[in-house]
Amino acid sequence: MNTLDAYEELRKNCILSPYAQNHKGYCSVIVAGKSQRHHRLAYAAFYGLSIDDLKDTVIMHKCDVRNCINPLHLVAGTGQDNVDDRVAKGRSAKGQSNGAAKLSVQDVIYIRAANDKTLQQLASMFNVTKVTVSSIKLRKIWKHI
């Protein structure tokens, strides 16, 4: 296998960390008494950086495999880049699967159908704001329902 073939093989395949995954699927390593995510260490080592150089940087997985440490699958970005990537890939929690949701699917259906009640009445019924009720009715939020 020539160098180019080896590079292509590395680029395609994940390298999985041998360390135990946490409840979110990430692997950590203890370095100098401090826990560090293994993929961050792999990125820093590959690009000749210290972990301190990555202080305000998010290291994202292009492959979406959280325990992958292949530096060719990792990319540096901001927290906003990470959120944008999650949204673009359709992995954001929607509706009641979002842990902060106050409403259920049935509540949203009721709010949209309740044309005999004011925004304030509906807001009071469901303990949300009038803006939330209006946004539901205008399909600015809970678009998937």
C-alpha atoms as a PDB file:
ATOM      1  CA  MET A   1       0.000   0.000   0.000  1.00  0.00           C
ATOM      2  CA  ASN A   2       1.490   3.358  -0.993  1.00  0.00           C
ATOM      3  CA  THR A   3       1.404   6.500   1.130  1.00  0.00           C
ATOM      4  CA  LEU A   4      -1.545   7.993  -0.753  1.00  0.00           C
ATOM      5  CA  ASP A   5      -3.594   4.813  -0.332  1.00  0.00           C
ATOM      6  CA  ALA A   6      -2.733   4.708   3.381  1.00  0.00           C
ATOM      7  CA  TYR A   7      -3.808   8.350   3.747  1.00  0.00           C
ATOM      8  CA  GLU A   8      -7.105   7.678   1.933  1.00  0.00           C
ATOM      9  CA  GLU A   9      -7.749   4.668   4.168  1.00  0.00           C
ATOM     10  CA  LEU A  10      -7.069   6.775   7.281  1.00  0.00           C
ATOM     11  CA  ARG A  11      -9.284   9.585   5.997  1.00  0.00           C
ATOM     12  CA  LYS A  12     -12.225   7.221   5.504  1.00  0.00           C
ATOM     13  CA  ASN A  13     -12.099   5.181   8.708  1.00  0.00           C
ATOM     14  CA  CYS A  14     -12.752   6.153  12.295  1.00  0.00           C
ATOM     15  CA  ILE A  15     -10.145   5.361  14.909  1.00  0.00           C
ATOM     16  CA  LEU A  16     -12.017   4.517  18.092  1.00  0.00           C
ATOM     17  CA  SER A  17     -10.608   5.466  21.458  1.00  0.00           C
ATOM     18  CA  PRO A  18      -9.761   2.476  23.643  1.00  0.00           C
ATOM     19  CA  TYR A  19     -10.909   4.352  26.742  1.00  0.00           C
ATOM     20  CA  ALA A  20     -14.318   4.008  28.365  1.00  0.00           C
ATOM     21  CA  GLN A  21     -17.096   6.239  27.064  1.00  0.00           C
ATOM     22  CA  ASN A  22     -19.057   8.545  29.339  1.00  0.00           C
ATOM     23  CA  HIS A  23     -22.870   8.689  29.229  1.00  0.00           C
ATOM     24  CA  LYS A  24     -22.665  10.986  26.178  1.00  0.00           C
ATOM     25  CA  GLY A  25     -20.291   8.710  24.257  1.00  0.00           C
ATOM     26  CA  TYR A  26     -17.079  10.704  24.702  1.00  0.00           C
ATOM     27  CA  CYS A  27     -13.841   9.200  26.005  1.00  0.00           C
ATOM     28  CA  SER A  28     -11.571  10.946  28.480  1.00  0.00           C
ATOM     29  CA  VAL A  29      -7.950  10.549  29.512  1.00  0.00           C
ATOM     30  CA  ILE A  30      -6.285  11.802  32.690  1.00  0.00           C
ATOM     31  CA  VAL A  31      -3.350  14.078  31.809  1.00  0.00           C
ATOM     32  CA  ALA A  32      -1.380  15.797  34.573  1.00  0.00           C
ATOM     33  CA  GLY A  33      -4.177  14.970  37.003  1.00  0.00           C
ATOM     34  CA  LYS A  34      -6.862  16.549  34.837  1.00  0.00           C
ATOM     35  CA  SER A  35      -9.506  14.797  32.718  1.00  0.00           C
ATOM     36  CA  GLN A  36      -9.280  15.652  29.020  1.00  0.00           C
ATOM     37  CA  ARG A  37     -11.477  14.469  26.156  1.00  0.00           C
ATOM     38  CA  HIS A  38      -9.454  12.028  24.082  1.00  0.00           C
ATOM     39  CA  HIS A  39     -10.479  13.528  20.730  1.00  0.00           C
ATOM     40  CA  ARG A  40      -9.239  16.972  21.871  1.00  0.00           C
ATOM     41  CA  LEU A  41      -5.871  15.462  22.810  1.00  0.00           C
ATOM     42  CA  ALA A  42      -5.658  13.670  19.445  1.00  0.00           C
ATOM     43  CA  TYR A  43      -6.420  16.901  17.584  1.00  0.00           C
ATOM     44  CA  ALA A  44      -3.857  18.880  19.603  1.00  0.00           C
ATOM     45  CA  ALA A  45      -1.144  16.238  19.142  1.00  0.00           C
ATOM     46  CA  PHE A  46      -1.731  15.901  15.390  1.00  0.00           C
ATOM     47  CA  TYR A  47      -1.624  19.651  14.763  1.00  0.00           C
ATOM     48  CA  GLY A  48       1.246  20.329  17.192  1.00  0.00           C
ATOM     49  CA  LEU A  49      -0.845  22.287  19.680  1.00  0.00           C
ATOM     50  CA  SER A  50      -1.062  22.202  23.440  1.00  0.00           C
ATOM     51  CA  ILE A  51      -4.383  21.529  25.112  1.00  0.00           C
ATOM     52  CA  ASP A  52      -4.202  25.132  26.389  1.00  0.00           C
ATOM     53  CA  ASP A  53      -4.131  26.334  22.762  1.00  0.00           C
ATOM     54  CA  LEU A  54      -7.626  24.844  22.429  1.00  0.00           C
ATOM     55  CA  LYS A  55      -9.009  26.549  25.538  1.00  0.00           C
ATOM     56  CA  ASP A  56     -11.907  28.368  23.821  1.00  0.00           C
ATOM     57  CA  THR A  57     -12.188  25.973  20.891  1.00  0.00           C
ATOM     58  CA  VAL A  58     -14.708  23.202  20.266  1.00  0.00           C
ATOM     59  CA  ILE A  59     -13.333  20.130  18.490  1.00  0.00           C
ATOM     60  CA  MET A  60     -16.118  18.682  16.367  1.00  0.00           C
ATOM     61  CA  HIS A  61     -16.417  15.269  14.738  1.00  0.00           C
ATOM     62  CA  LYS A  62     -17.109  15.397  10.987  1.00  0.00           C
ATOM     63  CA  CYS A  63     -17.908  11.678  11.231  1.00  0.00           C
ATOM     64  CA  ASP A  64     -20.343  12.186  14.171  1.00  0.00           C
ATOM     65  CA  VAL A  65     -18.732   9.291  16.057  1.00  0.00           C
ATOM     66  CA  ARG A  66     -18.082  10.699  19.516  1.00  0.00           C
ATOM     67  CA  ASN A  67     -15.375   8.238  20.483  1.00  0.00           C
ATOM     68  CA  CYS A  68     -13.477   8.691  17.194  1.00  0.00           C
ATOM     69  CA  ILE A  69      -9.972  10.116  17.657  1.00  0.00           C
ATOM     70  CA  ASN A  70      -8.968  10.171  13.983  1.00  0.00           C
ATOM     71  CA  PRO A  71      -7.539  13.703  13.580  1.00  0.00           C
ATOM     72  CA  LEU A  72      -8.682  13.749   9.947  1.00  0.00           C
ATOM     73  CA  HIS A  73     -12.270  13.446  11.211  1.00  0.00           C
ATOM     74  CA  LEU A  74     -11.879  16.325  13.667  1.00  0.00           C
ATOM     75  CA  VAL A  75     -12.292  20.033  13.004  1.00  0.00           C
ATOM     76  CA  ALA A  76     -11.861  23.052  15.263  1.00  0.00           C
ATOM     77  CA  GLY A  77     -14.697  25.529  15.627  1.00  0.00           C
ATOM     78  CA  THR A  78     -16.691  27.713  17.963  1.00  0.00           C
ATOM     79  CA  GLY A  79     -19.615  26.769  20.143  1.00  0.00           C
ATOM     80  CA  GLN A  80     -21.884  28.364  17.533  1.00  0.00           C
ATOM     81  CA  ASP A  81     -20.258  26.273  14.774  1.00  0.00           C
ATOM     82  CA  ASN A  82     -21.080  23.184  16.832  1.00  0.00           C
ATOM     83  CA  VAL A  83     -24.724  24.248  17.275  1.00  0.00           C
ATOM     84  CA  ASP A  84     -25.021  25.069  13.555  1.00  0.00           C
ATOM     85  CA  ASP A  85     -23.570  21.655  12.674  1.00  0.00           C
ATOM     86  CA  ARG A  86     -26.037  19.905  15.001  1.00  0.00           C
ATOM     87  CA  VAL A  87     -28.992  21.793  13.513  1.00  0.00           C
ATOM     88  CA  ALA A  88     -27.821  21.206   9.921  1.00  0.00           C
ATOM     89  CA  LYS A  89     -27.631  17.474  10.619  1.00  0.00           C
ATOM     90  CA  GLY A  90     -31.094  17.416  12.219  1.00  0.00           C
ATOM     91  CA  ARG A  91     -29.871  16.314  15.648  1.00  0.00           C
ATOM     92  CA  SER A  92     -31.429  19.094  17.737  1.00  0.00           C
ATOM     93  CA  ALA A  93     -34.098  18.093  20.218  1.00  0.00           C
ATOM     94  CA  LYS A  94     -37.512  19.271  19.051  1.00  0.00           C
ATOM     95  CA  GLY A  95     -40.722  19.821  20.923  1.00  0.00           C
ATOM     96  CA  GLN A  96     -41.309  17.855  24.085  1.00  0.00           C
ATOM     97  CA  SER A  97     -38.094  15.839  23.604  1.00  0.00           C
ATOM     98  CA  ASN A  98     -36.310  19.084  24.426  1.00  0.00           C
ATOM     99  CA  GLY A  99     -35.709  18.912  28.179  1.00  0.00           C
ATOM    100  CA  ALA A 100     -36.776  22.553  28.651  1.00  0.00           C
ATOM    101  CA  ALA A 101     -40.153  22.161  26.893  1.00  0.00           C
ATOM    102  CA  LYS A 102     -43.172  23.229  28.937  1.00  0.00           C
ATOM    103  CA  LEU A 103     -45.706  22.017  26.397  1.00  0.00           C
ATOM    104  CA  SER A 104     -46.655  18.659  24.947  1.00  0.00           C
ATOM    105  CA  VAL A 105     -47.643  17.901  21.368  1.00  0.00           C
ATOM    106  CA  GLN A 106     -51.276  17.764  22.505  1.00  0.00           C
ATOM    107  CA  ASP A 107     -50.951  21.244  24.076  1.00  0.00           C
ATOM    108  CA  VAL A 108     -49.612  22.680  20.829  1.00  0.00           C
ATOM    109  CA  ILE A 109     -52.423  21.080  18.813  1.00  0.00           C
ATOM    110  CA  TYR A 110     -54.963  22.529  21.251  1.00  0.00           C
ATOM    111  CA  ILE A 111     -53.398  26.008  21.107  1.00  0.00           C
ATOM    112  CA  ARG A 112     -53.451  26.017  17.308  1.00  0.00           C
ATOM    113  CA  ALA A 113     -57.086  24.903  17.214  1.00  0.00           C
ATOM    114  CA  ALA A 114     -58.366  27.210  19.990  1.00  0.00           C
ATOM    115  CA  ASN A 115     -59.695  30.134  17.970  1.00  0.00           C
ATOM    116  CA  ASP A 116     -62.259  31.019  20.635  1.00  0.00           C
ATOM    117  CA  LYS A 117     -59.602  32.041  23.199  1.00  0.00           C
ATOM    118  CA  THR A 118     -57.281  35.043  23.373  1.00  0.00           C
ATOM    119  CA  LEU A 119     -53.528  34.719  23.405  1.00  0.00           C
ATOM    120  CA  GLN A 120     -53.554  35.768  27.066  1.00  0.00           C
ATOM    121  CA  GLN A 121     -56.131  33.129  27.997  1.00  0.00           C
ATOM    122  CA  LEU A 122     -54.102  30.408  26.288  1.00  0.00           C
ATOM    123  CA  ALA A 123     -50.872  31.676  27.835  1.00  0.00           C
ATOM    124  CA  SER A 124     -52.451  31.546  31.301  1.00  0.00           C
ATOM    125  CA  MET A 125     -53.857  28.053  30.701  1.00  0.00           C
ATOM    126  CA  PHE A 126     -50.443  26.641  29.801  1.00  0.00           C
ATOM    127  CA  ASN A 127     -48.249  28.850  31.989  1.00  0.00           C
ATOM    128  CA  VAL A 128     -46.338  30.323  29.029  1.00  0.00           C
ATOM    129  CA  THR A 129     -46.094  33.814  27.560  1.00  0.00           C
ATOM    130  CA  LYS A 130     -48.369  35.388  24.967  1.00  0.00           C
ATOM    131  CA  VAL A 131     -45.335  35.545  22.674  1.00  0.00           C
ATOM    132  CA  THR A 132     -44.965  31.771  22.959  1.00  0.00           C
ATOM    133  CA  VAL A 133     -48.632  31.209  22.123  1.00  0.00           C
ATOM    134  CA  SER A 134     -48.424  33.616  19.185  1.00  0.00           C
ATOM    135  CA  SER A 135     -45.259  31.930  17.916  1.00  0.00           C
ATOM    136  CA  ILE A 136     -46.989  28.536  18.079  1.00  0.00           C
ATOM    137  CA  LYS A 137     -50.031  29.804  16.181  1.00  0.00           C
ATOM    138  CA  LEU A 138     -47.817  31.455  13.548  1.00  0.00           C
ATOM    139  CA  ARG A 139     -45.716  28.250  13.309  1.00  0.00           C
ATOM    140  CA  LYS A 140     -42.524  30.047  14.211  1.00  0.00           C
ATOM    141  CA  ILE A 141     -41.918  27.398  16.874  1.00  0.00           C
ATOM    142  CA  TRP A 142     -43.072  23.796  17.092  1.00  0.00           C
ATOM    143  CA  LYS A 143     -42.869  23.793  13.262  1.00  0.00           C
ATOM    144  CA  HIS A 144     -42.624  20.018  13.165  1.00  0.00           C
ATOM    145  CA  ILE A 145     -46.226  19.656  14.478  1.00  0.00           C
END
